[in-house]
């Protein structure tokens, strides 16, 4: 059986961030999967609902819906981008 051990010096800022990225990798993968495979469908359903009501939807409204859904998915998976990048 192959094994790998990753060691981080959590007192070092760069290592601490690398550690956080490693432990959040599954959450990030799940969030990306959700964005890739389900977001288009959920936004499509939301837009259909607006069309049924006779509401006009602008490109900006659609863009807002996309970004709002991405932020929701990141929150659902407890991903704080600032903790992983900055």
C-alpha atoms as a PDB file:
ATOM      1  CA  UNK A   1       0.000   0.000   0.000  1.00  0.00           C
ATOM      2  CA  UNK A   2       1.329   3.420  -0.954  1.00  0.00           C
ATOM      3  CA  UNK A   3       1.326   6.165   1.661  1.00  0.00           C
ATOM      4  CA  UNK A   4       1.995   9.861   1.653  1.00  0.00           C
ATOM      5  CA  UNK A   5       2.562  12.128   4.609  1.00  0.00           C
ATOM      6  CA  UNK A   6       2.318  15.857   4.188  1.00  0.00           C
ATOM      7  CA  UNK A   7       3.993  18.044   6.789  1.00  0.00           C
ATOM      8  CA  UNK A   8       3.250  21.709   7.331  1.00  0.00           C
ATOM      9  CA  UNK A   9       4.810  24.217   9.674  1.00  0.00           C
ATOM     10  CA  UNK A  10       1.628  25.920  10.856  1.00  0.00           C
ATOM     11  CA  UNK A  11       3.685  28.740  12.354  1.00  0.00           C
ATOM     12  CA  UNK A  12       4.786  29.662   8.821  1.00  0.00           C
ATOM     13  CA  UNK A  13       2.199  31.762   6.965  1.00  0.00           C
ATOM     14  CA  UNK A  14       2.771  30.118   3.570  1.00  0.00           C
ATOM     15  CA  UNK A  15       2.678  26.604   5.027  1.00  0.00           C
ATOM     16  CA  UNK A  16      -0.459  27.395   7.011  1.00  0.00           C
ATOM     17  CA  UNK A  17      -2.193  28.541   3.825  1.00  0.00           C
ATOM     18  CA  UNK A  18      -1.005  25.439   1.927  1.00  0.00           C
ATOM     19  CA  UNK A  19      -2.381  23.322   4.782  1.00  0.00           C
ATOM     20  CA  UNK A  20      -5.750  25.079   4.591  1.00  0.00           C
ATOM     21  CA  UNK A  21      -5.880  24.507   0.841  1.00  0.00           C
ATOM     22  CA  UNK A  22      -5.124  20.821   1.335  1.00  0.00           C
ATOM     23  CA  UNK A  23      -7.796  20.272   3.970  1.00  0.00           C
ATOM     24  CA  UNK A  24     -10.401  22.193   1.924  1.00  0.00           C
ATOM     25  CA  UNK A  25      -9.666  20.351  -1.336  1.00  0.00           C
ATOM     26  CA  UNK A  26     -12.659  17.988  -1.090  1.00  0.00           C
ATOM     27  CA  UNK A  27     -15.006  20.882  -0.297  1.00  0.00           C
ATOM     28  CA  UNK A  28     -13.623  22.825  -3.247  1.00  0.00           C
ATOM     29  CA  UNK A  29     -14.021  19.824  -5.564  1.00  0.00           C
ATOM     30  CA  UNK A  30     -17.630  19.315  -4.430  1.00  0.00           C
ATOM     31  CA  UNK A  31     -18.416  23.003  -4.917  1.00  0.00           C
ATOM     32  CA  UNK A  32     -16.914  22.978  -8.408  1.00  0.00           C
ATOM     33  CA  UNK A  33     -18.885  19.842  -9.255  1.00  0.00           C
ATOM     34  CA  UNK A  34     -22.090  21.526  -8.084  1.00  0.00           C
ATOM     35  CA  UNK A  35     -21.303  24.638 -10.121  1.00  0.00           C
ATOM     36  CA  UNK A  36     -20.430  22.600 -13.207  1.00  0.00           C
ATOM     37  CA  UNK A  37     -23.322  20.154 -13.220  1.00  0.00           C
ATOM     38  CA  UNK A  38     -26.265  21.719 -11.376  1.00  0.00           C
ATOM     39  CA  UNK A  39     -26.061  25.495 -11.524  1.00  0.00           C
ATOM     40  CA  UNK A  40     -27.132  25.818 -15.152  1.00  0.00           C
ATOM     41  CA  UNK A  41     -30.221  23.699 -14.474  1.00  0.00           C
ATOM     42  CA  UNK A  42     -31.227  25.562 -11.316  1.00  0.00           C
ATOM     43  CA  UNK A  43     -30.838  28.976 -12.948  1.00  0.00           C
ATOM     44  CA  UNK A  44     -32.712  27.741 -16.005  1.00  0.00           C
ATOM     45  CA  UNK A  45     -35.619  26.692 -13.793  1.00  0.00           C
ATOM     46  CA  UNK A  46     -35.576  30.076 -12.040  1.00  0.00           C
ATOM     47  CA  UNK A  47     -35.652  31.885 -15.380  1.00  0.00           C
ATOM     48  CA  UNK A  48     -38.547  29.746 -16.608  1.00  0.00           C
ATOM     49  CA  UNK A  49     -40.483  30.828 -13.539  1.00  0.00           C
ATOM     50  CA  UNK A  50     -39.860  34.478 -14.375  1.00  0.00           C
ATOM     51  CA  UNK A  51     -40.947  33.981 -17.982  1.00  0.00           C
ATOM     52  CA  UNK A  52     -44.202  32.420 -16.798  1.00  0.00           C
ATOM     53  CA  UNK A  53     -44.958  35.546 -14.786  1.00  0.00           C
ATOM     54  CA  UNK A  54     -44.341  37.766 -17.799  1.00  0.00           C
ATOM     55  CA  UNK A  55     -41.357  39.449 -16.139  1.00  0.00           C
ATOM     56  CA  UNK A  56     -38.615  40.911 -18.236  1.00  0.00           C
ATOM     57  CA  UNK A  57     -35.161  39.628 -17.307  1.00  0.00           C
ATOM     58  CA  UNK A  58     -32.069  41.587 -18.310  1.00  0.00           C
ATOM     59  CA  UNK A  59     -28.618  40.181 -18.971  1.00  0.00           C
ATOM     60  CA  UNK A  60     -27.478  41.853 -15.759  1.00  0.00           C
ATOM     61  CA  UNK A  61     -30.237  40.059 -13.806  1.00  0.00           C
ATOM     62  CA  UNK A  62     -29.085  36.725 -15.210  1.00  0.00           C
ATOM     63  CA  UNK A  63     -25.467  37.496 -14.368  1.00  0.00           C
ATOM     64  CA  UNK A  64     -26.520  38.382 -10.817  1.00  0.00           C
ATOM     65  CA  UNK A  65     -28.360  35.070 -10.539  1.00  0.00           C
ATOM     66  CA  UNK A  66     -25.278  33.140 -11.682  1.00  0.00           C
ATOM     67  CA  UNK A  67     -22.947  34.853  -9.227  1.00  0.00           C
ATOM     68  CA  UNK A  68     -25.445  34.644  -6.396  1.00  0.00           C
ATOM     69  CA  UNK A  69     -25.712  30.882  -6.953  1.00  0.00           C
ATOM     70  CA  UNK A  70     -21.918  30.491  -7.025  1.00  0.00           C
ATOM     71  CA  UNK A  71     -21.618  32.397  -3.725  1.00  0.00           C
ATOM     72  CA  UNK A  72     -24.354  30.211  -2.205  1.00  0.00           C
ATOM     73  CA  UNK A  73     -22.541  27.037  -3.253  1.00  0.00           C
ATOM     74  CA  UNK A  74     -19.248  28.275  -1.811  1.00  0.00           C
ATOM     75  CA  UNK A  75     -21.024  29.131   1.465  1.00  0.00           C
ATOM     76  CA  UNK A  76     -22.748  25.719   1.539  1.00  0.00           C
ATOM     77  CA  UNK A  77     -19.316  24.085   1.356  1.00  0.00           C
ATOM     78  CA  UNK A  78     -17.812  26.542   3.857  1.00  0.00           C
ATOM     79  CA  UNK A  79     -15.256  27.818   1.367  1.00  0.00           C
ATOM     80  CA  UNK A  80     -13.841  31.234   2.192  1.00  0.00           C
ATOM     81  CA  UNK A  81     -11.707  32.243  -0.776  1.00  0.00           C
ATOM     82  CA  UNK A  82      -9.884  34.917   1.200  1.00  0.00           C
ATOM     83  CA  UNK A  83      -8.651  32.223   3.618  1.00  0.00           C
ATOM     84  CA  UNK A  84      -7.243  30.210   0.711  1.00  0.00           C
ATOM     85  CA  UNK A  85      -5.698  32.955  -1.405  1.00  0.00           C
ATOM     86  CA  UNK A  86      -4.769  35.995   0.695  1.00  0.00           C
END
